[in-house]
Amino acid sequence: MKVFFDASVIIAALLSPNGGSAQLFKYITLKKIIGITSQTVIEEILEEEKFIKISKSREEIEKFIAGSGLIVRKSVGETDIEKYRYSIDIEDAHLVAGANLTKCDYLVSLDQKHVLRQDIKEQFLPLKIVSPGDLLEIIVST
């Protein structure tokens, strides 16, 4: 099972080591899932206002990502995003593009407003867009 991780899930795992997002990282280390993200997502996390807001240093964030088991693909480019530009909020188009470019089965996010909406989920099938809790239920049931 290949899973593409949104910045929101990585940040949640970093802030709450016992939460659902952090549980997904345990499944990566146990080789139950293959966790993938992109350099675009990493750059989003490392934007200065974000890491100040989450009260972690750049070094702490980088160390967490390096030890997480996530596979980090190169940045998602403008040409990769183009076909998704009008289907999802432009700020989130790189997530769907990244998940599809890496042939992921799932895109996991906490973004209720732009990513986890039912219309968005239906639009990008067969990619399954889920929350960490939904994905944990799927993993446990398989």
Protein backbone atom coordinates (compact mmCIF):
# COMPACT_ATOMS: atom_id res chain seq x y z
CA MET A 1 0.00 0.00 0.00
CA LYS A 2 1.56 3.26 -1.17
CA VAL A 3 0.48 6.41 0.68
CA PHE A 4 1.24 10.02 -0.24
CA PHE A 5 1.52 12.29 2.83
CA ASP A 6 0.27 15.89 2.97
CA ALA A 7 2.15 18.45 5.09
CA SER A 8 -0.75 18.58 7.56
CA VAL A 9 -0.29 14.90 8.47
CA ILE A 10 3.49 15.20 8.83
CA ILE A 11 3.10 18.26 11.08
CA ALA A 12 0.42 16.51 13.17
CA ALA A 13 2.71 13.50 13.65
CA LEU A 14 5.54 15.79 14.68
CA LEU A 15 3.37 17.60 17.25
CA SER A 16 1.44 14.63 18.64
CA PRO A 17 3.55 11.47 18.89
CA ASN A 18 0.55 9.44 20.09
CA GLY A 19 -2.03 10.68 17.57
CA GLY A 20 -3.39 9.01 14.46
CA SER A 21 -0.93 10.72 12.13
CA ALA A 22 2.01 9.48 14.22
CA GLN A 23 0.54 5.97 14.15
CA LEU A 24 0.83 6.01 10.35
CA PHE A 25 4.55 6.65 10.66
CA LYS A 26 4.84 3.56 12.85
CA TYR A 27 3.29 1.56 10.01
CA ILE A 28 5.93 2.98 7.66
CA THR A 29 8.74 1.78 9.92
CA LEU A 30 7.03 -1.62 10.25
CA LYS A 31 6.90 -1.79 6.41
CA LYS A 32 3.11 -2.17 6.48
CA ILE A 33 2.78 0.86 4.20
CA ILE A 34 5.12 2.75 1.90
CA GLY A 35 5.04 6.43 2.88
CA ILE A 36 5.83 8.94 0.16
CA THR A 37 5.86 12.71 -0.03
CA SER A 38 7.50 15.30 -2.24
CA GLN A 39 10.11 17.96 -1.82
CA THR A 40 7.27 20.42 -2.47
CA VAL A 41 5.52 19.19 0.70
CA ILE A 42 8.77 19.35 2.69
CA GLU A 43 9.36 22.92 1.53
CA GLU A 44 5.82 23.79 2.60
CA ILE A 45 6.54 22.45 6.10
CA LEU A 46 9.84 24.30 6.29
CA GLU A 47 8.38 27.69 5.37
CA GLU A 48 9.53 29.95 8.17
CA GLU A 49 6.07 30.92 9.44
CA LYS A 50 5.05 27.25 9.66
CA PHE A 51 7.93 25.94 11.72
CA ILE A 52 7.79 28.96 14.02
CA LYS A 53 4.04 28.37 14.42
CA ILE A 54 4.54 24.71 15.33
CA SER A 55 7.29 25.57 17.83
CA LYS A 56 9.87 23.26 16.33
CA SER A 57 13.23 24.23 14.93
CA ARG A 58 14.12 23.58 11.31
CA GLU A 59 16.63 20.98 12.56
CA GLU A 60 13.98 19.14 14.61
CA ILE A 61 11.66 19.02 11.61
CA GLU A 62 14.41 17.82 9.27
CA LYS A 63 15.50 15.17 11.78
CA PHE A 64 11.92 13.92 12.14
CA ILE A 65 11.46 13.66 8.37
CA ALA A 66 14.85 11.99 7.88
CA GLY A 67 14.05 9.36 10.51
CA SER A 68 10.42 8.87 9.49
CA GLY A 69 10.96 6.37 6.71
CA LEU A 70 9.21 8.61 4.21
CA ILE A 71 10.42 8.44 0.62
CA VAL A 72 10.78 12.01 -0.65
CA ARG A 73 10.39 12.47 -4.41
CA LYS A 74 11.63 15.57 -6.21
CA SER A 75 9.51 18.71 -6.26
CA VAL A 76 6.26 18.63 -8.17
CA GLY A 77 6.63 21.03 -11.08
CA GLU A 78 4.20 23.41 -12.75
CA THR A 79 3.77 21.08 -15.74
CA ASP A 80 2.91 18.22 -13.35
CA ILE A 81 0.22 20.35 -11.69
CA GLU A 82 -1.29 21.73 -14.90
CA LYS A 83 -3.93 19.05 -15.46
CA TYR A 84 -5.20 19.43 -11.86
CA ARG A 85 -5.19 23.24 -11.83
CA TYR A 86 -8.97 23.63 -12.19
CA SER A 87 -10.05 20.53 -10.29
CA ILE A 88 -8.73 21.35 -6.81
CA ASP A 89 -7.48 24.44 -5.00
CA ILE A 90 -4.28 25.46 -6.78
CA GLU A 91 -2.35 25.35 -3.50
CA ASP A 92 -3.22 21.66 -3.16
CA ALA A 93 -2.91 20.52 -6.79
CA HIS A 94 0.67 19.38 -6.10
CA LEU A 95 -0.68 16.76 -3.67
CA VAL A 96 -2.84 14.99 -6.23
CA ALA A 97 -0.11 15.35 -8.85
CA GLY A 98 2.51 13.95 -6.46
CA ALA A 99 0.30 11.03 -5.42
CA ASN A 100 -0.42 10.14 -9.03
CA LEU A 101 3.18 10.60 -10.20
CA THR A 102 4.35 8.18 -7.51
CA LYS A 103 1.50 5.76 -8.24
CA CYS A 104 0.13 5.93 -4.71
CA ASP A 105 -3.07 4.18 -3.70
CA TYR A 106 -3.91 6.79 -1.06
CA LEU A 107 -3.44 10.49 -0.37
CA VAL A 108 -3.67 11.18 3.36
CA SER A 109 -4.51 14.69 4.55
CA LEU A 110 -6.13 16.60 7.41
CA ASP A 111 -7.32 19.43 5.13
CA GLN A 112 -11.11 19.22 5.45
CA LYS A 113 -11.71 22.47 3.57
CA HIS A 114 -9.85 21.72 0.32
CA VAL A 115 -8.74 18.09 0.11
CA LEU A 116 -11.06 15.81 2.09
CA ARG A 117 -14.29 17.08 0.51
CA GLN A 118 -16.50 14.39 -1.04
CA ASP A 119 -16.52 16.06 -4.47
CA ILE A 120 -12.71 16.13 -4.50
CA LYS A 121 -12.51 12.50 -3.37
CA GLU A 122 -14.81 11.39 -6.19
CA GLN A 123 -13.04 13.46 -8.83
CA PHE A 124 -9.65 11.80 -8.44
CA LEU A 125 -10.60 8.14 -8.23
CA PRO A 126 -9.03 5.58 -8.28
CA LEU A 127 -6.75 7.60 -5.93
CA LYS A 128 -8.35 7.34 -2.51
CA ILE A 129 -8.18 10.56 -0.50
CA VAL A 130 -8.52 9.85 3.22
CA SER A 131 -7.88 11.20 6.69
CA PRO A 132 -5.31 9.54 8.98
CA GLY A 133 -8.15 7.95 10.97
CA ASP A 134 -9.73 6.51 7.83
CA LEU A 135 -6.41 5.10 6.70
CA LEU A 136 -5.74 3.54 10.09
CA GLU A 137 -9.11 1.74 9.88
CA ILE A 138 -8.21 0.45 6.41
CA ILE A 139 -4.77 -0.76 7.54
CA VAL A 140 -6.14 -2.52 10.60
CA SER A 141 -8.89 -4.23 8.59
CA THR A 142 -6.47 -5.66 5.97
